[in-house]
Amino acid sequence: MKSDRLFKILDLLKSRDIVPTRTLAERLYVSNRTIRRDVN
């Protein structure tokens, strides 16, 4: 679910200032495009 993914993205960003979309996509098992759509 998108809201769950957004919370996971926030958790990852809390631990690091910069997290590449590729890293987020790999950790959350989604595409780079999905990550970009979620954060826009």
N, C-alpha and C. Protein backbone atom coordinates (compact mmCIF):
# COMPACT_ATOMS: atom_id res chain seq x y z
N MET A 1 0.83 -1.18 0.00
CA MET A 1 0.00 0.00 0.00
C MET A 1 0.88 1.25 0.00
N LYS A 2 0.45 2.28 -0.71
CA LYS A 2 1.26 3.48 -0.86
C LYS A 2 1.58 4.15 0.47
N SER A 3 0.61 4.24 1.37
CA SER A 3 0.88 4.91 2.65
C SER A 3 1.94 4.16 3.46
N ASP A 4 1.91 2.84 3.43
CA ASP A 4 2.95 2.05 4.11
C ASP A 4 4.32 2.34 3.51
N ARG A 5 4.36 2.40 2.19
CA ARG A 5 5.62 2.67 1.50
C ARG A 5 6.15 4.05 1.87
N LEU A 6 5.27 5.04 1.96
CA LEU A 6 5.70 6.39 2.33
C LEU A 6 6.30 6.43 3.73
N PHE A 7 5.71 5.70 4.66
CA PHE A 7 6.27 5.64 6.02
C PHE A 7 7.64 4.97 6.01
N LYS A 8 7.80 3.94 5.20
CA LYS A 8 9.10 3.26 5.11
C LYS A 8 10.14 4.19 4.49
N ILE A 9 9.73 4.96 3.48
CA ILE A 9 10.64 5.94 2.87
C ILE A 9 11.08 6.96 3.92
N LEU A 10 10.14 7.45 4.70
CA LEU A 10 10.48 8.42 5.76
C LEU A 10 11.44 7.82 6.77
N ASP A 11 11.22 6.57 7.15
CA ASP A 11 12.13 5.91 8.09
C ASP A 11 13.55 5.83 7.53
N LEU A 12 13.66 5.47 6.25
CA LEU A 12 14.98 5.39 5.63
C LEU A 12 15.64 6.76 5.56
N LEU A 13 14.86 7.79 5.28
CA LEU A 13 15.42 9.14 5.20
C LEU A 13 15.82 9.69 6.57
N LYS A 14 15.19 9.21 7.62
CA LYS A 14 15.58 9.64 8.97
C LYS A 14 16.97 9.14 9.32
N SER A 15 17.32 7.97 8.83
CA SER A 15 18.62 7.39 9.16
C SER A 15 19.75 7.96 8.29
N ARG A 16 19.39 8.49 7.12
CA ARG A 16 20.38 9.08 6.21
C ARG A 16 19.75 10.31 5.58
N ASP A 17 20.56 11.31 5.32
CA ASP A 17 20.04 12.54 4.70
C ASP A 17 19.68 12.32 3.23
N ILE A 18 20.50 11.54 2.55
CA ILE A 18 20.29 11.31 1.12
C ILE A 18 20.20 9.81 0.88
N VAL A 19 19.13 9.40 0.21
CA VAL A 19 18.96 8.00 -0.16
C VAL A 19 18.58 7.98 -1.64
N PRO A 20 19.41 7.38 -2.49
CA PRO A 20 19.09 7.32 -3.91
C PRO A 20 17.78 6.56 -4.17
N THR A 21 17.07 6.98 -5.21
CA THR A 21 15.81 6.29 -5.53
C THR A 21 16.04 4.82 -5.81
N ARG A 22 17.18 4.50 -6.39
CA ARG A 22 17.48 3.09 -6.67
C ARG A 22 17.54 2.27 -5.38
N THR A 23 18.15 2.85 -4.35
CA THR A 23 18.24 2.17 -3.06
C THR A 23 16.86 1.99 -2.45
N LEU A 24 16.05 3.04 -2.49
CA LEU A 24 14.68 2.94 -1.97
C LEU A 24 13.91 1.86 -2.72
N ALA A 25 14.03 1.87 -4.04
CA ALA A 25 13.30 0.90 -4.86
C ALA A 25 13.72 -0.53 -4.51
N GLU A 26 15.01 -0.75 -4.35
CA GLU A 26 15.50 -2.09 -4.01
C GLU A 26 15.00 -2.53 -2.63
N ARG A 27 15.05 -1.63 -1.67
CA ARG A 27 14.63 -1.98 -0.31
C ARG A 27 13.13 -2.22 -0.19
N LEU A 28 12.35 -1.52 -1.02
CA LEU A 28 10.89 -1.61 -0.93
C LEU A 28 10.29 -2.50 -2.01
N TYR A 29 11.15 -3.10 -2.84
CA TYR A 29 10.71 -4.04 -3.89
C TYR A 29 9.72 -3.41 -4.88
N VAL A 30 10.05 -2.18 -5.29
CA VAL A 30 9.24 -1.49 -6.31
C VAL A 30 10.20 -0.88 -7.33
N SER A 31 9.66 -0.28 -8.37
CA SER A 31 10.49 0.34 -9.40
C SER A 31 10.92 1.75 -8.98
N ASN A 32 11.96 2.25 -9.66
CA ASN A 32 12.39 3.64 -9.44
C ASN A 32 11.24 4.60 -9.74
N ARG A 33 10.51 4.30 -10.78
CA ARG A 33 9.38 5.16 -11.18
C ARG A 33 8.34 5.24 -10.06
N THR A 34 8.06 4.13 -9.41
CA THR A 34 7.09 4.12 -8.30
C THR A 34 7.57 5.01 -7.17
N ILE A 35 8.85 4.93 -6.84
CA ILE A 35 9.41 5.78 -5.78
C ILE A 35 9.25 7.24 -6.16
N ARG A 36 9.59 7.58 -7.40
CA ARG A 36 9.48 8.98 -7.84
C ARG A 36 8.04 9.47 -7.77
N ARG A 37 7.10 8.63 -8.17
CA ARG A 37 5.68 9.01 -8.11
C ARG A 37 5.24 9.23 -6.66
N ASP A 38 5.71 8.36 -5.78
CA ASP A 38 5.31 8.46 -4.37
C ASP A 38 5.79 9.75 -3.72
N VAL A 39 7.01 10.16 -4.03
CA VAL A 39 7.55 11.34 -3.34
C VAL A 39 7.17 12.66 -4.00
N ASN A 40 6.63 12.61 -5.19
CA ASN A 40 6.19 13.86 -5.86
C ASN A 40 4.88 14.34 -5.36
